[in-house]
PDB file of N, CA and C in Angstrom:
ATOM      1  N   MET A   1      84.319  20.745  11.101  1.00  0.00           N
ATOM      2  CA  MET A   1      83.131  21.411  11.395  1.00  0.00           C
ATOM      3  C   MET A   1      83.235  21.921  12.886  1.00  0.00           C
ATOM      4  N   LEU A   2      83.192  20.940  13.829  1.00  0.00           N
ATOM      5  CA  LEU A   2      83.295  20.833  15.206  1.00  0.00           C
ATOM      6  C   LEU A   2      84.458  21.782  15.803  1.00  0.00           C
ATOM      7  N   ALA A   3      85.690  21.781  14.800  1.00  0.00           N
ATOM      8  CA  ALA A   3      86.934  22.368  15.119  1.00  0.00           C
ATOM      9  C   ALA A   3      86.464  23.884  15.162  1.00  0.00           C
ATOM     10  N   ASP A   4      85.881  24.315  14.046  1.00  0.00           N
ATOM     11  CA  ASP A   4      85.312  25.721  13.464  1.00  0.00           C
ATOM     12  C   ASP A   4      84.728  26.258  14.538  1.00  0.00           C
ATOM     13  N   VAL A   5      83.746  25.395  15.129  1.00  0.00           N
ATOM     14  CA  VAL A   5      83.062  25.567  15.881  1.00  0.00           C
ATOM     15  C   VAL A   5      83.636  25.918  17.620  1.00  0.00           C
ATOM     16  N   TYR A   6      84.570  25.022  17.578  1.00  0.00           N
ATOM     17  CA  TYR A   6      85.550  25.759  19.116  1.00  0.00           C
ATOM     18  C   TYR A   6      86.050  26.564  18.781  1.00  0.00           C
ATOM     19  N   ALA A   7      86.706  26.967  17.662  1.00  0.00           N
ATOM     20  CA  ALA A   7      87.346  28.075  17.595  1.00  0.00           C
ATOM     21  C   ALA A   7      86.692  29.192  17.327  1.00  0.00           C
ATOM     22  N   GLY A   8      85.531  29.267  17.378  1.00  0.00           N
ATOM     23  CA  GLY A   8      84.784  30.623  17.214  1.00  0.00           C
ATOM     24  C   GLY A   8      84.593  30.812  15.594  1.00  0.00           C
ATOM     25  N   ARG A   9      84.846  30.408  14.790  1.00  0.00           N
ATOM     26  CA  ARG A   9      84.748  30.581  13.320  1.00  0.00           C
ATOM     27  C   ARG A   9      83.459  30.195  12.476  1.00  0.00           C
ATOM     28  N   VAL A  10      82.261  29.397  13.405  1.00  0.00           N
ATOM     29  CA  VAL A  10      81.393  29.073  13.035  1.00  0.00           C
ATOM     30  C   VAL A  10      80.557  29.156  14.271  1.00  0.00           C
ATOM     31  N   GLY A  11      79.316  29.647  13.892  1.00  0.00           N
ATOM     32  CA  GLY A  11      78.405  29.860  15.112  1.00  0.00           C
ATOM     33  C   GLY A  11      77.802  28.571  15.170  1.00  0.00           C
ATOM     34  N   ILE A  12      76.892  28.600  16.425  1.00  0.00           N
ATOM     35  CA  ILE A  12      76.492  27.087  17.089  1.00  0.00           C
ATOM     36  C   ILE A  12      75.465  27.035  16.355  1.00  0.00           C
ATOM     37  N   ALA A  13      74.237  27.873  16.193  1.00  0.00           N
ATOM     38  CA  ALA A  13      73.078  28.014  15.177  1.00  0.00           C
ATOM     39  C   ALA A  13      73.371  27.399  13.767  1.00  0.00           C
ATOM     40  N   GLU A  14      74.445  27.660  13.258  1.00  0.00           N
ATOM     41  CA  GLU A  14      74.932  26.858  12.065  1.00  0.00           C
ATOM     42  C   GLU A  14      74.900  25.283  12.140  1.00  0.00           C
ATOM     43  N   VAL A  15      75.436  24.498  13.210  1.00  0.00           N
ATOM     44  CA  VAL A  15      75.647  23.333  12.864  1.00  0.00           C
ATOM     45  C   VAL A  15      74.729  22.492  13.851  1.00  0.00           C
ATOM     46  N   CYS A  16      74.005  23.341  14.585  1.00  0.00           N
ATOM     47  CA  CYS A  16      72.708  23.113  15.646  1.00  0.00           C
ATOM     48  C   CYS A  16      71.411  22.926  14.787  1.00  0.00           C
ATOM     49  N   ASP A  17      71.217  22.220  13.567  1.00  0.00           N
ATOM     50  CA  ASP A  17      69.670  22.558  13.042  1.00  0.00           C
ATOM     51  C   ASP A  17      69.154  21.513  12.631  1.00  0.00           C
ATOM     52  N   ALA A  18      68.997  20.550  13.628  1.00  0.00           N
ATOM     53  CA  ALA A  18      68.593  19.303  13.376  1.00  0.00           C
ATOM     54  C   ALA A  18      66.635  19.794  13.160  1.00  0.00           C
ATOM     55  N   SER A  19      65.952  19.420  12.496  1.00  0.00           N
ATOM     56  CA  SER A  19      64.708  19.687  11.664  1.00  0.00           C
ATOM     57  C   SER A  19      63.848  19.202  13.141  1.00  0.00           C
ATOM     58  N   PRO A  20      62.519  19.690  13.282  1.00  0.00           N
ATOM     59  CA  PRO A  20      61.523  19.280  14.042  1.00  0.00           C
ATOM     60  C   PRO A  20      60.998  17.533  13.906  1.00  0.00           C
ATOM     61  N   TYR A  21      61.259  17.125  12.698  1.00  0.00           N
ATOM     62  CA  TYR A  21      60.918  16.094  12.488  1.00  0.00           C
ATOM     63  C   TYR A  21      62.058  15.109  12.604  1.00  0.00           C
ATOM     64  N   LEU A  22      63.457  15.239  12.996  1.00  0.00           N
ATOM     65  CA  LEU A  22      64.388  14.418  13.202  1.00  0.00           C
ATOM     66  C   LEU A  22      64.573  14.685  14.700  1.00  0.00           C
ATOM     67  N   LEU A  23      64.082  15.676  15.592  1.00  0.00           N
ATOM     68  CA  LEU A  23      63.725  15.361  16.999  1.00  0.00           C
ATOM     69  C   LEU A  23      62.823  15.111  17.673  1.00  0.00           C
ATOM     70  N   ARG A  24      61.829  14.837  16.697  1.00  0.00           N
ATOM     71  CA  ARG A  24      60.720  13.804  17.076  1.00  0.00           C
ATOM     72  C   ARG A  24      60.697  12.260  16.850  1.00  0.00           C
ATOM     73  N   ALA A  25      61.616  12.214  15.614  1.00  0.00           N
ATOM     74  CA  ALA A  25      62.078  10.732  15.645  1.00  0.00           C
ATOM     75  C   ALA A  25      62.975  10.407  16.480  1.00  0.00           C
ATOM     76  N   ALA A  26      63.879  11.182  17.035  1.00  0.00           N
ATOM     77  CA  ALA A  26      64.547  10.866  18.117  1.00  0.00           C
ATOM     78  C   ALA A  26      64.226  10.430  19.216  1.00  0.00           C
ATOM     79  N   ARG A  27      62.796  10.980  19.599  1.00  0.00           N
ATOM     80  CA  ARG A  27      62.418  10.871  20.909  1.00  0.00           C
ATOM     81  C   ARG A  27      61.390   9.678  20.673  1.00  0.00           C
ATOM     82  N   PHE A  28      60.863   9.231  19.769  1.00  0.00           N
ATOM     83  CA  PHE A  28      59.970   8.097  19.483  1.00  0.00           C
ATOM     84  C   PHE A  28      60.765   6.749  18.811  1.00  0.00           C
ATOM     85  N   HIS A  29      61.926   6.868  18.200  1.00  0.00           N
ATOM     86  CA  HIS A  29      62.074   5.789  17.280  1.00  0.00           C
ATOM     87  C   HIS A  29      63.882   5.849  17.675  1.00  0.00           C
ATOM     88  N   GLY A  30      64.456   6.682  18.733  1.00  0.00           N
ATOM     89  CA  GLY A  30      65.928   6.774  18.861  1.00  0.00           C
ATOM     90  C   GLY A  30      66.265   5.820  19.956  1.00  0.00           C
ATOM     91  N   GLU A  31      67.769   5.624  19.839  1.00  0.00           N
ATOM     92  CA  GLU A  31      68.494   5.043  20.888  1.00  0.00           C
ATOM     93  C   GLU A  31      69.536   5.850  21.679  1.00  0.00           C
ATOM     94  N   SER A  32      69.544   5.789  22.563  1.00  0.00           N
ATOM     95  CA  SER A  32      70.555   6.560  23.564  1.00  0.00           C
ATOM     96  C   SER A  32      72.018   5.948  23.294  1.00  0.00           C
ATOM     97  N   SER A  33      72.797   6.825  22.860  1.00  0.00           N
ATOM     98  CA  SER A  33      73.849   6.516  22.986  1.00  0.00           C
ATOM     99  C   SER A  33      74.917   6.682  24.250  1.00  0.00           C
ATOM    100  N   GLU A  34      76.352   6.613  24.052  1.00  0.00           N
ATOM    101  CA  GLU A  34      77.278   6.672  25.223  1.00  0.00           C
ATOM    102  C   GLU A  34      77.950   7.928  24.992  1.00  0.00           C
ATOM    103  N   VAL A  35      77.518   8.522  23.840  1.00  0.00           N
ATOM    104  CA  VAL A  35      78.261   9.455  23.393  1.00  0.00           C
ATOM    105  C   VAL A  35      77.702  10.926  23.739  1.00  0.00           C
ATOM    106  N   THR A  36      78.588  11.736  24.673  1.00  0.00           N
ATOM    107  CA  THR A  36      77.779  12.990  24.923  1.00  0.00           C
ATOM    108  C   THR A  36      78.140  14.183  23.961  1.00  0.00           C
ATOM    109  N   CYS A  37      77.093  15.160  23.728  1.00  0.00           N
ATOM    110  CA  CYS A  37      76.888  15.982  22.883  1.00  0.00           C
ATOM    111  C   CYS A  37      78.378  16.654  22.572  1.00  0.00           C
ATOM    112  N   PRO A  38      78.911  16.748  21.475  1.00  0.00           N
ATOM    113  CA  PRO A  38      80.098  17.751  21.530  1.00  0.00           C
ATOM    114  C   PRO A  38      80.101  19.133  21.469  1.00  0.00           C
ATOM    115  N   VAL A  39      78.663  19.575  20.851  1.00  0.00           N
ATOM    116  CA  VAL A  39      78.611  21.039  21.233  1.00  0.00           C
ATOM    117  C   VAL A  39      77.808  21.442  22.464  1.00  0.00           C
ATOM    118  N   CYS A  40      76.910  21.058  22.836  1.00  0.00           N
ATOM    119  CA  CYS A  40      76.534  21.709  23.906  1.00  0.00           C
ATOM    120  C   CYS A  40      76.819  21.106  25.591  1.00  0.00           C
ATOM    121  N   ARG A  41      77.175  19.603  25.374  1.00  0.00           N
ATOM    122  CA  ARG A  41      77.546  18.696  26.397  1.00  0.00           C
ATOM    123  C   ARG A  41      76.911  18.510  27.584  1.00  0.00           C
ATOM    124  N   LYS A  42      75.236  18.875  27.112  1.00  0.00           N
ATOM    125  CA  LYS A  42      74.310  19.056  28.055  1.00  0.00           C
ATOM    126  C   LYS A  42      73.742  17.237  28.354  1.00  0.00           C
ATOM    127  N   GLU A  43      73.773  16.711  27.316  1.00  0.00           N
ATOM    128  CA  GLU A  43      73.035  15.055  27.264  1.00  0.00           C
ATOM    129  C   GLU A  43      73.886  14.253  26.128  1.00  0.00           C
ATOM    130  N   ARG A  44      73.510  12.887  26.183  1.00  0.00           N
ATOM    131  CA  ARG A  44      74.242  12.078  25.541  1.00  0.00           C
ATOM    132  C   ARG A  44      73.269  12.257  23.946  1.00  0.00           C
ATOM    133  N   LEU A  45      73.868  11.933  23.160  1.00  0.00           N
ATOM    134  CA  LEU A  45      73.089  12.117  21.719  1.00  0.00           C
ATOM    135  C   LEU A  45      72.679  10.429  21.367  1.00  0.00           C
ATOM    136  N   THR A  46      71.136  10.998  20.659  1.00  0.00           N
ATOM    137  CA  THR A  46      70.316   9.755  20.175  1.00  0.00           C
ATOM    138  C   THR A  46      70.676   9.508  19.066  1.00  0.00           C
ATOM    139  N   GLU A  47      70.572   8.296  18.831  1.00  0.00           N
ATOM    140  CA  GLU A  47      71.088   7.377  17.251  1.00  0.00           C
ATOM    141  C   GLU A  47      69.534   7.399  16.724  1.00  0.00           C
ATOM    142  N   VAL A  48      69.338   7.662  15.386  1.00  0.00           N
ATOM    143  CA  VAL A  48      68.218   7.665  14.474  1.00  0.00           C
ATOM    144  C   VAL A  48      68.442   6.776  13.521  1.00  0.00           C
ATOM    145  N   SER A  49      67.623   5.604  13.199  1.00  0.00           N
ATOM    146  CA  SER A  49      67.935   5.000  11.714  1.00  0.00           C
ATOM    147  C   SER A  49      66.778   5.086  10.823  1.00  0.00           C
ATOM    148  N   TRP A  50      67.122   5.839   9.623  1.00  0.00           N
ATOM    149  CA  TRP A  50      66.670   6.141   8.794  1.00  0.00           C
ATOM    150  C   TRP A  50      66.162   4.880   7.335  1.00  0.00           C
ATOM    151  N   VAL A  51      65.456   4.968   6.995  1.00  0.00           N
ATOM    152  CA  VAL A  51      65.061   3.751   5.736  1.00  0.00           C
ATOM    153  C   VAL A  51      64.824   4.436   4.880  1.00  0.00           C
ATOM    154  N   PHE A  52      65.643   3.811   3.736  1.00  0.00           N
ATOM    155  CA  PHE A  52      65.102   4.179   2.501  1.00  0.00           C
ATOM    156  C   PHE A  52      65.155   3.229   0.895  1.00  0.00           C
ATOM    157  N   GLY A  53      64.423   2.820   0.143  1.00  0.00           N
ATOM    158  CA  GLY A  53      64.174   1.982  -0.347  1.00  0.00           C
ATOM    159  C   GLY A  53      62.937   1.939  -1.791  1.00  0.00           C
ATOM    160  N   GLU A  54      63.443   1.459  -2.539  1.00  0.00           N
ATOM    161  CA  GLU A  54      62.004   1.201  -3.439  1.00  0.00           C
ATOM    162  C   GLU A  54      60.921   0.268  -3.178  1.00  0.00           C
ATOM    163  N   GLY A  55      61.267  -0.559  -2.772  1.00  0.00           N
ATOM    164  CA  GLY A  55      60.446  -1.663  -1.911  1.00  0.00           C
ATOM    165  C   GLY A  55      59.913  -1.404  -0.696  1.00  0.00           C
ATOM    166  N   LEU A  56      60.288  -0.525  -0.097  1.00  0.00           N
ATOM    167  CA  LEU A  56      59.691  -0.152   1.234  1.00  0.00           C
ATOM    168  C   LEU A  56      58.603   0.468   1.102  1.00  0.00           C
ATOM    169  N   LYS A  57      57.936   1.102  -0.172  1.00  0.00           N
ATOM    170  CA  LYS A  57      56.909   1.989  -0.709  1.00  0.00           C
ATOM    171  C   LYS A  57      56.797   3.116   0.429  1.00  0.00           C
ATOM    172  N   HIS A  58      56.002   3.085   1.201  1.00  0.00           N
ATOM    173  CA  HIS A  58      55.424   4.242   2.102  1.00  0.00           C
ATOM    174  C   HIS A  58      56.259   4.103   3.362  1.00  0.00           C
ATOM    175  N   LEU A  59      56.922   3.088   3.544  1.00  0.00           N
ATOM    176  CA  LEU A  59      58.038   3.195   4.742  1.00  0.00           C
ATOM    177  C   LEU A  59      59.314   3.913   4.460  1.00  0.00           C
ATOM    178  N   SER A  60      59.711   3.833   3.235  1.00  0.00           N
ATOM    179  CA  SER A  60      60.738   4.821   3.126  1.00  0.00           C
ATOM    180  C   SER A  60      60.836   6.036   3.155  1.00  0.00           C
ATOM    181  N   GLY A  61      62.037   6.799   3.691  1.00  0.00           N
ATOM    182  CA  GLY A  61      62.182   7.970   4.116  1.00  0.00           C
ATOM    183  C   GLY A  61      61.532   7.978   5.564  1.00  0.00           C
ATOM    184  N   SER A  62      61.507   6.743   6.329  1.00  0.00           N
ATOM    185  CA  SER A  62      60.866   7.037   7.807  1.00  0.00           C
ATOM    186  C   SER A  62      61.948   6.409   8.833  1.00  0.00           C
ATOM    187  N   ALA A  63      61.655   6.966   9.984  1.00  0.00           N
ATOM    188  CA  ALA A  63      62.919   6.611  11.205  1.00  0.00           C
ATOM    189  C   ALA A  63      61.954   5.177  11.857  1.00  0.00           C
ATOM    190  N   ARG A  64      62.852   4.118  11.970  1.00  0.00           N
ATOM    191  CA  ARG A  64      62.780   2.633  12.511  1.00  0.00           C
ATOM    192  C   ARG A  64      63.438   2.679  13.346  1.00  0.00           C
ATOM    193  N   THR A  65      62.983   1.974  14.918  1.00  0.00           N
ATOM    194  CA  THR A  65      63.569   1.287  15.789  1.00  0.00           C
ATOM    195  C   THR A  65      64.639   0.240  15.598  1.00  0.00           C
ATOM    196  N   PRO A  66      65.456  -0.109  16.253  1.00  0.00           N
ATOM    197  CA  PRO A  66      66.578  -1.450  15.794  1.00  0.00           C
ATOM    198  C   PRO A  66      65.504  -2.547  15.790  1.00  0.00           C
ATOM    199  N   GLN A  67      64.496  -2.967  16.793  1.00  0.00           N
ATOM    200  CA  GLN A  67      63.509  -3.863  16.799  1.00  0.00           C
ATOM    201  C   GLN A  67      62.835  -4.113  15.490  1.00  0.00           C
ATOM    202  N   GLU A  68      62.564  -2.890  15.011  1.00  0.00           N
ATOM    203  CA  GLU A  68      61.726  -3.026  13.374  1.00  0.00           C
ATOM    204  C   GLU A  68      62.730  -3.169  12.423  1.00  0.00           C
ATOM    205  N   LEU A  69      63.861  -2.626  12.479  1.00  0.00           N
ATOM    206  CA  LEU A  69      64.977  -3.130  11.697  1.00  0.00           C
ATOM    207  C   LEU A  69      65.316  -4.369  11.537  1.00  0.00           C
ATOM    208  N   ASP A  70      65.369  -5.044  12.692  1.00  0.00           N
ATOM    209  CA  ASP A  70      65.423  -7.301  12.896  1.00  0.00           C
ATOM    210  C   ASP A  70      64.341  -7.536  11.739  1.00  0.00           C
ATOM    211  N   ARG A  71      63.029  -6.779  12.004  1.00  0.00           N
ATOM    212  CA  ARG A  71      62.267  -7.483  11.701  1.00  0.00           C
ATOM    213  C   ARG A  71      61.900  -7.454  10.307  1.00  0.00           C
ATOM    214  N   MET A  72      62.056  -5.980   9.560  1.00  0.00           N
ATOM    215  CA  MET A  72      62.416  -5.618   8.250  1.00  0.00           C
ATOM    216  C   MET A  72      63.435  -6.505   7.441  1.00  0.00           C
ATOM    217  N   ASP A  73      64.476  -6.608   7.996  1.00  0.00           N
ATOM    218  CA  ASP A  73      66.034  -7.339   7.812  1.00  0.00           C
ATOM    219  C   ASP A  73      65.096  -8.588   6.959  1.00  0.00           C
ATOM    220  N   GLY A  74      64.627  -9.463   7.299  1.00  0.00           N
ATOM    221  CA  GLY A  74      64.277 -10.694   6.600  1.00  0.00           C
ATOM    222  C   GLY A  74      63.089 -10.517   5.699  1.00  0.00           C
ATOM    223  N   ALA A  75      62.325  -9.579   5.967  1.00  0.00           N
ATOM    224  CA  ALA A  75      60.748  -9.463   5.310  1.00  0.00           C
ATOM    225  C   ALA A  75      60.633  -8.418   3.970  1.00  0.00           C
ATOM    226  N   GLN A  76      62.126  -7.812   3.835  1.00  0.00           N
ATOM    227  CA  GLN A  76      61.584  -6.597   2.813  1.00  0.00           C
ATOM    228  C   GLN A  76      63.221  -7.289   1.830  1.00  0.00           C
ATOM    229  N   VAL A  77      62.838  -6.868   0.520  1.00  0.00           N
ATOM    230  CA  VAL A  77      64.075  -6.460  -0.369  1.00  0.00           C
ATOM    231  C   VAL A  77      65.148  -5.310   0.080  1.00  0.00           C
ATOM    232  N   GLU A  78      66.216  -5.564  -0.473  1.00  0.00           N
ATOM    233  CA  GLU A  78      67.352  -4.762  -0.287  1.00  0.00           C
ATOM    234  C   GLU A  78      66.990  -3.089   0.006  1.00  0.00           C
ATOM    235  N   PHE A  79      67.475  -2.701   1.054  1.00  0.00           N
ATOM    236  CA  PHE A  79      67.048  -1.134   1.865  1.00  0.00           C
ATOM    237  C   PHE A  79      68.074  -0.633   2.439  1.00  0.00           C
ATOM    238  N   SER A  80      68.402   0.736   2.099  1.00  0.00           N
ATOM    239  CA  SER A  80      69.683   1.388   2.893  1.00  0.00           C
ATOM    240  C   SER A  80      69.166   1.811   4.261  1.00  0.00           C
ATOM    241  N   VAL A  81      69.924   2.083   5.148  1.00  0.00           N
ATOM    242  CA  VAL A  81      69.942   2.225   6.581  1.00  0.00           C
ATOM    243  C   VAL A  81      70.597   3.550   6.489  1.00  0.00           C
ATOM    244  N   TYR A  82      70.377   4.748   7.195  1.00  0.00           N
ATOM    245  CA  TYR A  82      71.413   5.685   7.275  1.00  0.00           C
ATOM    246  C   TYR A  82      70.885   5.837   9.024  1.00  0.00           C
ATOM    247  N   VAL A  83      72.208   6.039   9.645  1.00  0.00           N
ATOM    248  CA  VAL A  83      72.025   6.070  11.167  1.00  0.00           C
ATOM    249  C   VAL A  83      72.728   7.843  11.373  1.00  0.00           C
ATOM    250  N   VAL A  84      71.701   8.679  12.205  1.00  0.00           N
ATOM    251  CA  VAL A  84      72.108  10.063  11.923  1.00  0.00           C
ATOM    252  C   VAL A  84      72.127   9.987  13.691  1.00  0.00           C
ATOM    253  N   GLU A  85      73.536  10.866  14.260  1.00  0.00           N
ATOM    254  CA  GLU A  85      73.059  11.012  15.823  1.00  0.00           C
ATOM    255  C   GLU A  85      72.780  12.678  16.071  1.00  0.00           C
ATOM    256  N   VAL A  86      71.966  12.560  16.815  1.00  0.00           N
ATOM    257  CA  VAL A  86      71.231  14.100  17.017  1.00  0.00           C
ATOM    258  C   VAL A  86      71.150  14.272  18.437  1.00  0.00           C
ATOM    259  N   CYS A  87      71.523  15.558  19.002  1.00  0.00           N
ATOM    260  CA  CYS A  87      71.584  15.970  20.530  1.00  0.00           C
ATOM    261  C   CYS A  87      69.989  16.410  20.269  1.00  0.00           C
ATOM    262  N   ARG A  88      69.248  16.187  21.623  1.00  0.00           N
ATOM    263  CA  ARG A  88      67.678  16.631  21.724  1.00  0.00           C
ATOM    264  C   ARG A  88      67.753  18.003  22.151  1.00  0.00           C
ATOM    265  N   SER A  89      69.154  18.689  22.682  1.00  0.00           N
ATOM    266  CA  SER A  89      68.963  19.580  23.410  1.00  0.00           C
ATOM    267  C   SER A  89      69.066  20.520  22.760  1.00  0.00           C
ATOM    268  N   CYS A  90      70.528  20.545  21.907  1.00  0.00           N
ATOM    269  CA  CYS A  90      70.642  21.680  20.819  1.00  0.00           C
ATOM    270  C   CYS A  90      70.314  21.700  19.774  1.00  0.00           C
ATOM    271  N   GLY A  91      70.275  20.434  19.282  1.00  0.00           N
ATOM    272  CA  GLY A  91      70.045  20.106  17.582  1.00  0.00           C
ATOM    273  C   GLY A  91      70.970  19.806  17.016  1.00  0.00           C
ATOM    274  N   TRP A  92      72.389  19.317  17.695  1.00  0.00           N
ATOM    275  CA  TRP A  92      73.612  19.146  16.620  1.00  0.00           C
ATOM    276  C   TRP A  92      73.476  17.563  15.876  1.00  0.00           C
ATOM    277  N   ASN A  93      73.488  17.498  14.707  1.00  0.00           N
ATOM    278  CA  ASN A  93      73.032  16.028  14.168  1.00  0.00           C
ATOM    279  C   ASN A  93      74.329  15.682  13.081  1.00  0.00           C
ATOM    280  N   HIS A  94      74.603  14.805  12.724  1.00  0.00           N
ATOM    281  CA  HIS A  94      75.368  14.010  12.083  1.00  0.00           C
ATOM    282  C   HIS A  94      75.386  12.940  11.309  1.00  0.00           C
ATOM    283  N   LEU A  95      75.528  12.419  10.538  1.00  0.00           N
ATOM    284  CA  LEU A  95      75.460  10.949   9.960  1.00  0.00           C
ATOM    285  C   LEU A  95      76.657  10.170  10.786  1.00  0.00           C
ATOM    286  N   VAL A  96      76.376   9.318  11.153  1.00  0.00           N
ATOM    287  CA  VAL A  96      77.154   8.311  11.825  1.00  0.00           C
ATOM    288  C   VAL A  96      77.638   7.307  10.781  1.00  0.00           C
ATOM    289  N   GLN A  97      76.678   6.454  10.130  1.00  0.00           N
ATOM    290  CA  GLN A  97      77.093   5.154   9.085  1.00  0.00           C
ATOM    291  C   GLN A  97      75.965   5.201   8.417  1.00  0.00           C
ATOM    292  N   SER A  98      75.971   4.033   7.296  1.00  0.00           N
ATOM    293  CA  SER A  98      75.023   3.617   6.330  1.00  0.00           C
ATOM    294  C   SER A  98      75.505   2.248   6.105  1.00  0.00           C
ATOM    295  N   TYR A  99      74.405   1.640   5.794  1.00  0.00           N
ATOM    296  CA  TYR A  99      74.670  -0.139   5.683  1.00  0.00           C
ATOM    297  C   TYR A  99      73.445  -0.064   4.849  1.00  0.00           C
ATOM    298  N   VAL A 100      73.210  -1.340   4.397  1.00  0.00           N
ATOM    299  CA  VAL A 100      72.103  -2.129   3.537  1.00  0.00           C
ATOM    300  C   VAL A 100      71.298  -3.298   4.308  1.00  0.00           C
ATOM    301  N   LEU A 101      70.543  -3.504   4.273  1.00  0.00           N
ATOM    302  CA  LEU A 101      70.050  -4.521   4.910  1.00  0.00           C
ATOM    303  C   LEU A 101      68.766  -5.095   4.053  1.00  0.00           C
ATOM    304  N   GLY A 102      67.968  -6.159   4.441  1.00  0.00           N
ATOM    305  CA  GLY A 102      67.125  -7.147   3.532  1.00  0.00           C
ATOM    306  C   GLY A 102      67.498  -8.218   2.653  1.00  0.00           C
ATOM    307  N   THR A 103      66.838  -8.542   2.121  1.00  0.00           N
ATOM    308  CA  THR A 103      67.127  -9.690   1.067  1.00  0.00           C
ATOM    309  C   THR A 103      67.390  -9.152  -0.232  1.00  0.00           C
ATOM    310  N   PRO A 104      68.278  -9.930  -0.855  1.00  0.00           N
ATOM    311  CA  PRO A 104      68.218  -9.363  -2.499  1.00  0.00           C
ATOM    312  C   PRO A 104      67.274 -10.200  -3.095  1.00  0.00           C
ATOM    313  N   GLU A 105      67.102  -9.118  -4.039  1.00  0.00           N
ATOM    314  CA  GLU A 105      65.669  -9.645  -5.227  1.00  0.00           C
ATOM    315  C   GLU A 105      65.689 -11.059  -5.793  1.00  0.00           C
ATOM    316  N   VAL A 106      64.782 -11.975  -5.685  1.00  0.00           N
ATOM    317  CA  VAL A 106      65.321 -12.957  -6.751  1.00  0.00           C
ATOM    318  C   VAL A 106      65.475 -12.668  -8.168  1.00  0.00           C
ATOM    319  N   PRO A 107      66.565 -12.966  -8.744  1.00  0.00           N
ATOM    320  CA  PRO A 107      66.795 -12.800 -10.391  1.00  0.00           C
ATOM    321  C   PRO A 107      65.549 -13.278 -11.001  1.00  0.00           C
ATOM    322  N   GLY A 108      65.044 -13.314 -12.207  1.00  0.00           N
ATOM    323  CA  GLY A 108      63.991 -13.967 -12.807  1.00  0.00           C
ATOM    324  C   GLY A 108      62.484 -13.347 -13.530  1.00  0.00           C
ATOM    325  N   PRO A 109      62.321 -14.130 -14.221  1.00  0.00           N
ATOM    326  CA  PRO A 109      60.683 -13.230 -14.310  1.00  0.00           C
ATOM    327  C   PRO A 109      59.973 -13.019 -13.259  1.00  0.00           C
ATOM    328  N   ARG A 110      59.193 -11.956 -13.224  1.00  0.00           N
ATOM    329  CA  ARG A 110      58.159 -11.345 -12.412  1.00  0.00           C
ATOM    330  C   ARG A 110      57.211 -11.810 -12.486  1.00  0.00           C
ATOM    331  N   ALA A 111      56.351 -12.409 -11.666  1.00  0.00           N
ATOM    332  CA  ALA A 111      54.838 -13.039 -11.627  1.00  0.00           C
ATOM    333  C   ALA A 111      54.161 -12.531 -12.803  1.00  0.00           C
ATOM    334  N   ARG A 112      53.192 -12.932 -13.422  1.00  0.00           N
ATOM    335  CA  ARG A 112      52.344 -12.415 -14.190  1.00  0.00           C
ATOM    336  C   ARG A 112      51.251 -11.542 -13.596  1.00  0.00           C
ATOM    337  N   ARG A 113      50.601 -10.495 -13.699  1.00  0.00           N
ATOM    338  CA  ARG A 113      49.205  -9.985 -12.990  1.00  0.00           C
ATOM    339  C   ARG A 113      48.265 -10.594 -13.538  1.00  0.00           C
ATOM    340  N   ARG A 114      47.307 -10.902 -12.971  1.00  0.00           N
ATOM    341  CA  ARG A 114      46.104 -11.662 -13.865  1.00  0.00           C
ATOM    342  C   ARG A 114      45.165 -10.198 -13.873  1.00  0.00           C
ATOM    343  N   THR A 115      44.279 -10.601 -14.734  1.00  0.00           N
ATOM    344  CA  THR A 115      43.368  -9.708 -15.026  1.00  0.00           C
ATOM    345  C   THR A 115      42.045  -9.972 -14.299  1.00  0.00           C
ATOM    346  N   ALA A 116      41.213  -9.303 -14.250  1.00  0.00           N
ATOM    347  CA  ALA A 116      39.603  -9.345 -13.246  1.00  0.00           C
ATOM    348  C   ALA A 116      39.151 -10.794 -14.116  1.00  0.00           C
ATOM    349  N   GLY A 117      39.228 -10.861 -15.443  1.00  0.00           N
ATOM    350  CA  GLY A 117      38.506 -12.080 -15.968  1.00  0.00           C
ATOM    351  C   GLY A 117      39.167 -13.485 -15.933  1.00  0.00           C
ATOM    352  N   GLN A 118      40.372 -13.237 -15.332  1.00  0.00           N
ATOM    353  CA  GLN A 118      41.214 -14.325 -15.257  1.00  0.00           C
ATOM    354  C   GLN A 118      41.162 -15.519 -13.921  1.00  0.00           C
TER     355      GLN A 118
END
């Protein structure tokens, strides 16, 4: 895709499409990288880590800092992390990597729920 931008076959507006939500996440939860934006070349890219998983409940689909990921790793059942690079100047973004954190669910019967009368 970047080759197409450099060759003029694809417009910058087509690849610089970060949502306002992603740009806010970059500002508050992102980590600056050493990589300069390949499109605008104005600033370093920011890496944002997004978490997804059924066990996360309301946290699923949110951005988290590396420190939060460290805490979540031992305290949550397995969940997926997707790292996105984003340029806060022009809005270029792309998925860098994905991986799994958390503890595997313990096999076996689930604890029975108690009713109000028990």
